[in-house]
Amino acid sequence: MSDESRTAIRAFIVENFLFGDDSQPLANDLSLIDNDLIDSTGILELVGFLEERFAISIADADIVPANLDTIDRIAGFIARKQTA
């Protein structure tokens, strides 16, 4: 998992779901779903961003919290998809 991936993911989340307000720290292990930072529509926006930014294809079966609930999980998921 690269810091570059985490930085890009964090920037997308801050810009699109926190409306540019990065005054609160966004921990890599903070649950985006449990903390109401992202909803089902937001997940779809996130998936679109990830597919475009990281040149990966995300199957419907991959759209689960185990892959997309925290910045760390997202970065790990991207790394696995890119090496597959």
PDB file of N, CA and C in Angstrom:
ATOM      1  N   MET A   1       0.848  -1.180   0.000  1.00  0.00           N
ATOM      2  CA  MET A   1       0.000   0.000   0.000  1.00  0.00           C
ATOM      3  C   MET A   1       0.886   1.233   0.000  1.00  0.00           C
ATOM      4  N   SER A   2       0.696   2.069  -0.956  1.00  0.00           N
ATOM      5  CA  SER A   2       1.571   3.222  -1.067  1.00  0.00           C
ATOM      6  C   SER A   2       0.954   4.460  -0.425  1.00  0.00           C
ATOM      7  N   ASP A   3       1.829   5.315   0.048  1.00  0.00           N
ATOM      8  CA  ASP A   3       1.371   6.586   0.616  1.00  0.00           C
ATOM      9  C   ASP A   3       0.736   7.446  -0.463  1.00  0.00           C
ATOM     10  N   GLU A   4       1.213   7.299  -1.701  1.00  0.00           N
ATOM     11  CA  GLU A   4       0.644   8.055  -2.819  1.00  0.00           C
ATOM     12  C   GLU A   4      -0.827   7.685  -3.021  1.00  0.00           C
ATOM     13  N   SER A   5      -1.141   6.407  -2.934  1.00  0.00           N
ATOM     14  CA  SER A   5      -2.531   5.962  -3.068  1.00  0.00           C
ATOM     15  C   SER A   5      -3.382   6.533  -1.944  1.00  0.00           C
ATOM     16  N   ARG A   6      -2.882   6.439  -0.720  1.00  0.00           N
ATOM     17  CA  ARG A   6      -3.629   6.965   0.430  1.00  0.00           C
ATOM     18  C   ARG A   6      -3.876   8.463   0.288  1.00  0.00           C
ATOM     19  N   THR A   7      -2.860   9.197  -0.179  1.00  0.00           N
ATOM     20  CA  THR A   7      -2.982  10.642  -0.345  1.00  0.00           C
ATOM     21  C   THR A   7      -4.057  10.974  -1.373  1.00  0.00           C
ATOM     22  N   ALA A   8      -4.073  10.255  -2.490  1.00  0.00           N
ATOM     23  CA  ALA A   8      -5.072  10.496  -3.537  1.00  0.00           C
ATOM     24  C   ALA A   8      -6.474  10.154  -3.044  1.00  0.00           C
ATOM     25  N   ILE A   9      -6.606   9.054  -2.326  1.00  0.00           N
ATOM     26  CA  ILE A   9      -7.908   8.641  -1.792  1.00  0.00           C
ATOM     27  C   ILE A   9      -8.406   9.666  -0.782  1.00  0.00           C
ATOM     28  N   ARG A  10      -7.519  10.058   0.145  1.00  0.00           N
ATOM     29  CA  ARG A  10      -7.883  11.049   1.166  1.00  0.00           C
ATOM     30  C   ARG A  10      -8.320  12.359   0.507  1.00  0.00           C
ATOM     31  N   ALA A  11      -7.577  12.822  -0.490  1.00  0.00           N
ATOM     32  CA  ALA A  11      -7.913  14.074  -1.180  1.00  0.00           C
ATOM     33  C   ALA A  11      -9.297  13.979  -1.827  1.00  0.00           C
ATOM     34  N   PHE A  12      -9.591  12.838  -2.448  1.00  0.00           N
ATOM     35  CA  PHE A  12     -10.905  12.649  -3.071  1.00  0.00           C
ATOM     36  C   PHE A  12     -12.011  12.694  -2.019  1.00  0.00           C
ATOM     37  N   ILE A  13     -11.813  12.017  -0.903  1.00  0.00           N
ATOM     38  CA  ILE A  13     -12.823  11.973   0.160  1.00  0.00           C
ATOM     39  C   ILE A  13     -13.052  13.363   0.744  1.00  0.00           C
ATOM     40  N   VAL A  14     -11.977  14.075   1.028  1.00  0.00           N
ATOM     41  CA  VAL A  14     -12.107  15.426   1.587  1.00  0.00           C
ATOM     42  C   VAL A  14     -12.842  16.334   0.619  1.00  0.00           C
ATOM     43  N   GLU A  15     -12.466  16.290  -0.644  1.00  0.00           N
ATOM     44  CA  GLU A  15     -13.067  17.181  -1.638  1.00  0.00           C
ATOM     45  C   GLU A  15     -14.537  16.857  -1.896  1.00  0.00           C
ATOM     46  N   ASN A  16     -14.864  15.576  -1.998  1.00  0.00           N
ATOM     47  CA  ASN A  16     -16.206  15.188  -2.423  1.00  0.00           C
ATOM     48  C   ASN A  16     -17.194  14.922  -1.297  1.00  0.00           C
ATOM     49  N   PHE A  17     -16.712  14.521  -0.129  1.00  0.00           N
ATOM     50  CA  PHE A  17     -17.627  14.157   0.949  1.00  0.00           C
ATOM     51  C   PHE A  17     -17.525  15.074   2.165  1.00  0.00           C
ATOM     52  N   LEU A  18     -16.399  15.767   2.291  1.00  0.00           N
ATOM     53  CA  LEU A  18     -16.241  16.719   3.389  1.00  0.00           C
ATOM     54  C   LEU A  18     -16.227  18.150   2.862  1.00  0.00           C
ATOM     55  N   PHE A  19     -16.507  18.300   1.573  1.00  0.00           N
ATOM     56  CA  PHE A  19     -16.624  19.600   0.913  1.00  0.00           C
ATOM     57  C   PHE A  19     -15.384  20.471   1.117  1.00  0.00           C
ATOM     58  N   GLY A  20     -14.234  19.832   1.035  1.00  0.00           N
ATOM     59  CA  GLY A  20     -12.970  20.538   1.119  1.00  0.00           C
ATOM     60  C   GLY A  20     -12.519  20.868   2.531  1.00  0.00           C
ATOM     61  N   ASP A  21     -13.293  20.487   3.538  1.00  0.00           N
ATOM     62  CA  ASP A  21     -12.952  20.789   4.930  1.00  0.00           C
ATOM     63  C   ASP A  21     -12.026  19.715   5.495  1.00  0.00           C
ATOM     64  N   ASP A  22     -10.738  20.010   5.476  1.00  0.00           N
ATOM     65  CA  ASP A  22      -9.785  19.033   6.004  1.00  0.00           C
ATOM     66  C   ASP A  22      -9.289  19.439   7.393  1.00  0.00           C
ATOM     67  N   SER A  23     -10.103  20.206   8.107  1.00  0.00           N
ATOM     68  CA  SER A  23      -9.717  20.661   9.445  1.00  0.00           C
ATOM     69  C   SER A  23      -9.719  19.524  10.460  1.00  0.00           C
ATOM     70  N   GLN A  24     -10.519  18.499  10.244  1.00  0.00           N
ATOM     71  CA  GLN A  24     -10.542  17.328  11.118  1.00  0.00           C
ATOM     72  C   GLN A  24      -9.631  16.254  10.521  1.00  0.00           C
ATOM     73  N   PRO A  25      -8.791  15.648  11.356  1.00  0.00           N
ATOM     74  CA  PRO A  25      -7.930  14.578  10.825  1.00  0.00           C
ATOM     75  C   PRO A  25      -8.765  13.393  10.342  1.00  0.00           C
ATOM     76  N   LEU A  26      -8.358  12.831   9.246  1.00  0.00           N
ATOM     77  CA  LEU A  26      -9.044  11.676   8.660  1.00  0.00           C
ATOM     78  C   LEU A  26      -8.089  10.493   8.745  1.00  0.00           C
ATOM     79  N   ALA A  27      -8.232   9.714   9.817  1.00  0.00           N
ATOM     80  CA  ALA A  27      -7.327   8.590  10.059  1.00  0.00           C
ATOM     81  C   ALA A  27      -7.479   7.519   8.988  1.00  0.00           C
ATOM     82  N   ASN A  28      -6.379   6.839   8.695  1.00  0.00           N
ATOM     83  CA  ASN A  28      -6.393   5.789   7.676  1.00  0.00           C
ATOM     84  C   ASN A  28      -7.291   4.627   8.049  1.00  0.00           C
ATOM     85  N   ASP A  29      -7.557   4.429   9.347  1.00  0.00           N
ATOM     86  CA  ASP A  29      -8.386   3.305   9.780  1.00  0.00           C
ATOM     87  C   ASP A  29      -9.790   3.732  10.236  1.00  0.00           C
ATOM     88  N   LEU A  30     -10.168   4.976   9.953  1.00  0.00           N
ATOM     89  CA  LEU A  30     -11.505   5.470  10.302  1.00  0.00           C
ATOM     90  C   LEU A  30     -12.542   4.876   9.350  1.00  0.00           C
ATOM     91  N   SER A  31     -13.606   4.293   9.907  1.00  0.00           N
ATOM     92  CA  SER A  31     -14.667   3.732   9.071  1.00  0.00           C
ATOM     93  C   SER A  31     -15.456   4.859   8.408  1.00  0.00           C
ATOM     94  N   LEU A  32     -15.416   4.891   7.094  1.00  0.00           N
ATOM     95  CA  LEU A  32     -16.135   5.917   6.342  1.00  0.00           C
ATOM     96  C   LEU A  32     -17.644   5.704   6.423  1.00  0.00           C
ATOM     97  N   ILE A  33     -18.053   4.452   6.507  1.00  0.00           N
ATOM     98  CA  ILE A  33     -19.478   4.111   6.541  1.00  0.00           C
ATOM     99  C   ILE A  33     -20.048   4.324   7.940  1.00  0.00           C
ATOM    100  N   ASP A  34     -19.398   3.753   8.953  1.00  0.00           N
ATOM    101  CA  ASP A  34     -19.901   3.864  10.324  1.00  0.00           C
ATOM    102  C   ASP A  34     -19.929   5.298  10.826  1.00  0.00           C
ATOM    103  N   ASN A  35     -19.055   6.138  10.306  1.00  0.00           N
ATOM    104  CA  ASN A  35     -18.995   7.536  10.729  1.00  0.00           C
ATOM    105  C   ASN A  35     -19.772   8.468   9.803  1.00  0.00           C
ATOM    106  N   ASP A  36     -20.607   7.865   8.952  1.00  0.00           N
ATOM    107  CA  ASP A  36     -21.491   8.618   8.045  1.00  0.00           C
ATOM    108  C   ASP A  36     -20.759   9.624   7.161  1.00  0.00           C
ATOM    109  N   LEU A  37     -19.547   9.288   6.764  1.00  0.00           N
ATOM    110  CA  LEU A  37     -18.822  10.141   5.837  1.00  0.00           C
ATOM    111  C   LEU A  37     -19.185   9.821   4.394  1.00  0.00           C
ATOM    112  N   ILE A  38     -19.677   8.608   4.189  1.00  0.00           N
ATOM    113  CA  ILE A  38     -19.989   8.169   2.831  1.00  0.00           C
ATOM    114  C   ILE A  38     -21.217   7.269   2.892  1.00  0.00           C
ATOM    115  N   ASP A  39     -22.108   7.426   1.905  1.00  0.00           N
ATOM    116  CA  ASP A  39     -23.305   6.591   1.836  1.00  0.00           C
ATOM    117  C   ASP A  39     -23.240   5.746   0.567  1.00  0.00           C
ATOM    118  N   SER A  40     -24.332   5.080   0.244  1.00  0.00           N
ATOM    119  CA  SER A  40     -24.310   4.167  -0.904  1.00  0.00           C
ATOM    120  C   SER A  40     -24.033   4.895  -2.216  1.00  0.00           C
ATOM    121  N   THR A  41     -24.568   6.076  -2.375  1.00  0.00           N
ATOM    122  CA  THR A  41     -24.285   6.853  -3.578  1.00  0.00           C
ATOM    123  C   THR A  41     -22.824   7.271  -3.595  1.00  0.00           C
ATOM    124  N   GLY A  42     -22.315   7.638  -2.436  1.00  0.00           N
ATOM    125  CA  GLY A  42     -20.917   8.012  -2.320  1.00  0.00           C
ATOM    126  C   GLY A  42     -19.982   6.863  -2.653  1.00  0.00           C
ATOM    127  N   ILE A  43     -20.373   5.664  -2.260  1.00  0.00           N
ATOM    128  CA  ILE A  43     -19.568   4.478  -2.596  1.00  0.00           C
ATOM    129  C   ILE A  43     -19.444   4.354  -4.115  1.00  0.00           C
ATOM    130  N   LEU A  44     -20.542   4.581  -4.822  1.00  0.00           N
ATOM    131  CA  LEU A  44     -20.500   4.494  -6.287  1.00  0.00           C
ATOM    132  C   LEU A  44     -19.594   5.577  -6.871  1.00  0.00           C
ATOM    133  N   GLU A  45     -19.640   6.777  -6.303  1.00  0.00           N
ATOM    134  CA  GLU A  45     -18.740   7.848  -6.745  1.00  0.00           C
ATOM    135  C   GLU A  45     -17.291   7.451  -6.480  1.00  0.00           C
ATOM    136  N   LEU A  46     -17.032   6.877  -5.309  1.00  0.00           N
ATOM    137  CA  LEU A  46     -15.694   6.428  -4.953  1.00  0.00           C
ATOM    138  C   LEU A  46     -15.205   5.354  -5.922  1.00  0.00           C
ATOM    139  N   VAL A  47     -16.061   4.408  -6.243  1.00  0.00           N
ATOM    140  CA  VAL A  47     -15.702   3.337  -7.184  1.00  0.00           C
ATOM    141  C   VAL A  47     -15.327   3.934  -8.542  1.00  0.00           C
ATOM    142  N   GLY A  48     -16.115   4.876  -9.024  1.00  0.00           N
ATOM    143  CA  GLY A  48     -15.808   5.524 -10.302  1.00  0.00           C
ATOM    144  C   GLY A  48     -14.452   6.218 -10.269  1.00  0.00           C
ATOM    145  N   PHE A  49     -14.183   6.920  -9.177  1.00  0.00           N
ATOM    146  CA  PHE A  49     -12.887   7.583  -9.009  1.00  0.00           C
ATOM    147  C   PHE A  49     -11.746   6.571  -9.014  1.00  0.00           C
ATOM    148  N   LEU A  50     -11.897   5.501  -8.236  1.00  0.00           N
ATOM    149  CA  LEU A  50     -10.837   4.494  -8.137  1.00  0.00           C
ATOM    150  C   LEU A  50     -10.560   3.843  -9.484  1.00  0.00           C
ATOM    151  N   GLU A  51     -11.614   3.512 -10.212  1.00  0.00           N
ATOM    152  CA  GLU A  51     -11.429   2.882 -11.524  1.00  0.00           C
ATOM    153  C   GLU A  51     -10.677   3.810 -12.470  1.00  0.00           C
ATOM    154  N   GLU A  52     -11.032   5.081 -12.467  1.00  0.00           N
ATOM    155  CA  GLU A  52     -10.389   6.033 -13.371  1.00  0.00           C
ATOM    156  C   GLU A  52      -8.968   6.372 -12.920  1.00  0.00           C
ATOM    157  N   ARG A  53      -8.804   6.693 -11.666  1.00  0.00           N
ATOM    158  CA  ARG A  53      -7.506   7.161 -11.145  1.00  0.00           C
ATOM    159  C   ARG A  53      -6.453   6.057 -11.132  1.00  0.00           C
ATOM    160  N   PHE A  54      -6.859   4.835 -10.803  1.00  0.00           N
ATOM    161  CA  PHE A  54      -5.890   3.757 -10.646  1.00  0.00           C
ATOM    162  C   PHE A  54      -5.950   2.727 -11.770  1.00  0.00           C
ATOM    163  N   ALA A  55      -6.747   2.989 -12.799  1.00  0.00           N
ATOM    164  CA  ALA A  55      -6.847   2.117 -13.976  1.00  0.00           C
ATOM    165  C   ALA A  55      -7.138   0.669 -13.587  1.00  0.00           C
ATOM    166  N   ILE A  56      -8.166   0.512 -12.748  1.00  0.00           N
ATOM    167  CA  ILE A  56      -8.592  -0.827 -12.339  1.00  0.00           C
ATOM    168  C   ILE A  56     -10.075  -0.979 -12.664  1.00  0.00           C
ATOM    169  N   SER A  57     -10.517  -2.208 -12.694  1.00  0.00           N
ATOM    170  CA  SER A  57     -11.925  -2.505 -12.886  1.00  0.00           C
ATOM    171  C   SER A  57     -12.438  -3.140 -11.596  1.00  0.00           C
ATOM    172  N   ILE A  58     -13.543  -2.606 -11.085  1.00  0.00           N
ATOM    173  CA  ILE A  58     -14.094  -3.096  -9.824  1.00  0.00           C
ATOM    174  C   ILE A  58     -15.428  -3.777 -10.105  1.00  0.00           C
ATOM    175  N   ALA A  59     -15.485  -5.071  -9.818  1.00  0.00           N
ATOM    176  CA  ALA A  59     -16.709  -5.849 -10.024  1.00  0.00           C
ATOM    177  C   ALA A  59     -17.708  -5.529  -8.918  1.00  0.00           C
ATOM    178  N   ASP A  60     -18.975  -5.730  -9.214  1.00  0.00           N
ATOM    179  CA  ASP A  60     -20.023  -5.493  -8.219  1.00  0.00           C
ATOM    180  C   ASP A  60     -19.754  -6.278  -6.935  1.00  0.00           C
ATOM    181  N   ALA A  61     -19.252  -7.492  -7.063  1.00  0.00           N
ATOM    182  CA  ALA A  61     -18.978  -8.339  -5.896  1.00  0.00           C
ATOM    183  C   ALA A  61     -17.866  -7.771  -5.014  1.00  0.00           C
ATOM    184  N   ASP A  62     -17.044  -6.865  -5.568  1.00  0.00           N
ATOM    185  CA  ASP A  62     -15.953  -6.258  -4.815  1.00  0.00           C
ATOM    186  C   ASP A  62     -16.395  -5.028  -4.019  1.00  0.00           C
ATOM    187  N   ILE A  63     -17.614  -4.561  -4.266  1.00  0.00           N
ATOM    188  CA  ILE A  63     -18.101  -3.348  -3.606  1.00  0.00           C
ATOM    189  C   ILE A  63     -18.697  -3.726  -2.257  1.00  0.00           C
ATOM    190  N   VAL A  64     -17.799  -3.989  -1.308  1.00  0.00           N
ATOM    191  CA  VAL A  64     -18.173  -4.400   0.044  1.00  0.00           C
ATOM    192  C   VAL A  64     -17.317  -3.616   1.044  1.00  0.00           C
ATOM    193  N   PRO A  65     -17.805  -3.460   2.274  1.00  0.00           N
ATOM    194  CA  PRO A  65     -17.040  -2.723   3.283  1.00  0.00           C
ATOM    195  C   PRO A  65     -15.632  -3.270   3.510  1.00  0.00           C
ATOM    196  N   ALA A  66     -15.451  -4.569   3.370  1.00  0.00           N
ATOM    197  CA  ALA A  66     -14.118  -5.150   3.574  1.00  0.00           C
ATOM    198  C   ALA A  66     -13.087  -4.531   2.620  1.00  0.00           C
ATOM    199  N   ASN A  67     -13.533  -4.020   1.486  1.00  0.00           N
ATOM    200  CA  ASN A  67     -12.635  -3.396   0.515  1.00  0.00           C
ATOM    201  C   ASN A  67     -12.670  -1.875   0.545  1.00  0.00           C
ATOM    202  N   LEU A  68     -13.785  -1.284   0.958  1.00  0.00           N
ATOM    203  CA  LEU A  68     -13.984   0.147   0.736  1.00  0.00           C
ATOM    204  C   LEU A  68     -14.372   0.955   1.967  1.00  0.00           C
ATOM    205  N   ASP A  69     -14.159   0.437   3.169  1.00  0.00           N
ATOM    206  CA  ASP A  69     -14.649   1.136   4.358  1.00  0.00           C
ATOM    207  C   ASP A  69     -13.650   2.096   4.994  1.00  0.00           C
ATOM    208  N   THR A  70     -12.368   1.897   4.783  1.00  0.00           N
ATOM    209  CA  THR A  70     -11.359   2.795   5.341  1.00  0.00           C
ATOM    210  C   THR A  70     -10.337   3.123   4.257  1.00  0.00           C
ATOM    211  N   ILE A  71      -9.561   4.160   4.488  1.00  0.00           N
ATOM    212  CA  ILE A  71      -8.515   4.509   3.526  1.00  0.00           C
ATOM    213  C   ILE A  71      -7.517   3.358   3.405  1.00  0.00           C
ATOM    214  N   ASP A  72      -7.155   2.743   4.533  1.00  0.00           N
ATOM    215  CA  ASP A  72      -6.232   1.600   4.483  1.00  0.00           C
ATOM    216  C   ASP A  72      -6.808   0.440   3.670  1.00  0.00           C
ATOM    217  N   ARG A  73      -8.074   0.120   3.897  1.00  0.00           N
ATOM    218  CA  ARG A  73      -8.703  -0.987   3.154  1.00  0.00           C
ATOM    219  C   ARG A  73      -8.766  -0.676   1.666  1.00  0.00           C
ATOM    220  N   ILE A  74      -9.085   0.566   1.325  1.00  0.00           N
ATOM    221  CA  ILE A  74      -9.159   0.964  -0.083  1.00  0.00           C
ATOM    222  C   ILE A  74      -7.779   0.854  -0.728  1.00  0.00           C
ATOM    223  N   ALA A  75      -6.752   1.362  -0.045  1.00  0.00           N
ATOM    224  CA  ALA A  75      -5.388   1.302  -0.590  1.00  0.00           C
ATOM    225  C   ALA A  75      -4.934  -0.144  -0.774  1.00  0.00           C
ATOM    226  N   GLY A  76      -5.250  -1.003   0.192  1.00  0.00           N
ATOM    227  CA  GLY A  76      -4.903  -2.418   0.067  1.00  0.00           C
ATOM    228  C   GLY A  76      -5.640  -3.090  -1.085  1.00  0.00           C
ATOM    229  N   PHE A  77      -6.904  -2.751  -1.229  1.00  0.00           N
ATOM    230  CA  PHE A  77      -7.717  -3.294  -2.310  1.00  0.00           C
ATOM    231  C   PHE A  77      -7.132  -2.883  -3.671  1.00  0.00           C
ATOM    232  N   ILE A  78      -6.759  -1.614  -3.789  1.00  0.00           N
ATOM    233  CA  ILE A  78      -6.174  -1.135  -5.034  1.00  0.00           C
ATOM    234  C   ILE A  78      -4.876  -1.885  -5.336  1.00  0.00           C
ATOM    235  N   ALA A  79      -4.041  -2.041  -4.333  1.00  0.00           N
ATOM    236  CA  ALA A  79      -2.772  -2.754  -4.522  1.00  0.00           C
ATOM    237  C   ALA A  79      -3.006  -4.177  -5.009  1.00  0.00           C
ATOM    238  N   ARG A  80      -3.994  -4.842  -4.404  1.00  0.00           N
ATOM    239  CA  ARG A  80      -4.310  -6.227  -4.826  1.00  0.00           C
ATOM    240  C   ARG A  80      -4.828  -6.242  -6.269  1.00  0.00           C
ATOM    241  N   LYS A  81      -5.676  -5.301  -6.619  1.00  0.00           N
ATOM    242  CA  LYS A  81      -6.234  -5.262  -7.980  1.00  0.00           C
ATOM    243  C   LYS A  81      -5.143  -4.981  -9.015  1.00  0.00           C
ATOM    244  N   GLN A  82      -4.199  -4.125  -8.668  1.00  0.00           N
ATOM    245  CA  GLN A  82      -3.150  -3.760  -9.618  1.00  0.00           C
ATOM    246  C   GLN A  82      -2.139  -4.881  -9.824  1.00  0.00           C
ATOM    247  N   THR A  83      -1.986  -5.759  -8.835  1.00  0.00           N
ATOM    248  CA  THR A  83      -1.027  -6.859  -8.986  1.00  0.00           C
ATOM    249  C   THR A  83      -1.693  -8.114  -9.543  1.00  0.00           C
ATOM    250  N   ALA A  84      -3.012  -8.119  -9.615  1.00  0.00           N
ATOM    251  CA  ALA A  84      -3.745  -9.304 -10.118  1.00  0.00           C
ATOM    252  C   ALA A  84      -3.639  -9.411 -11.620  1.00  0.00           C
TER     253      ALA A  84
END
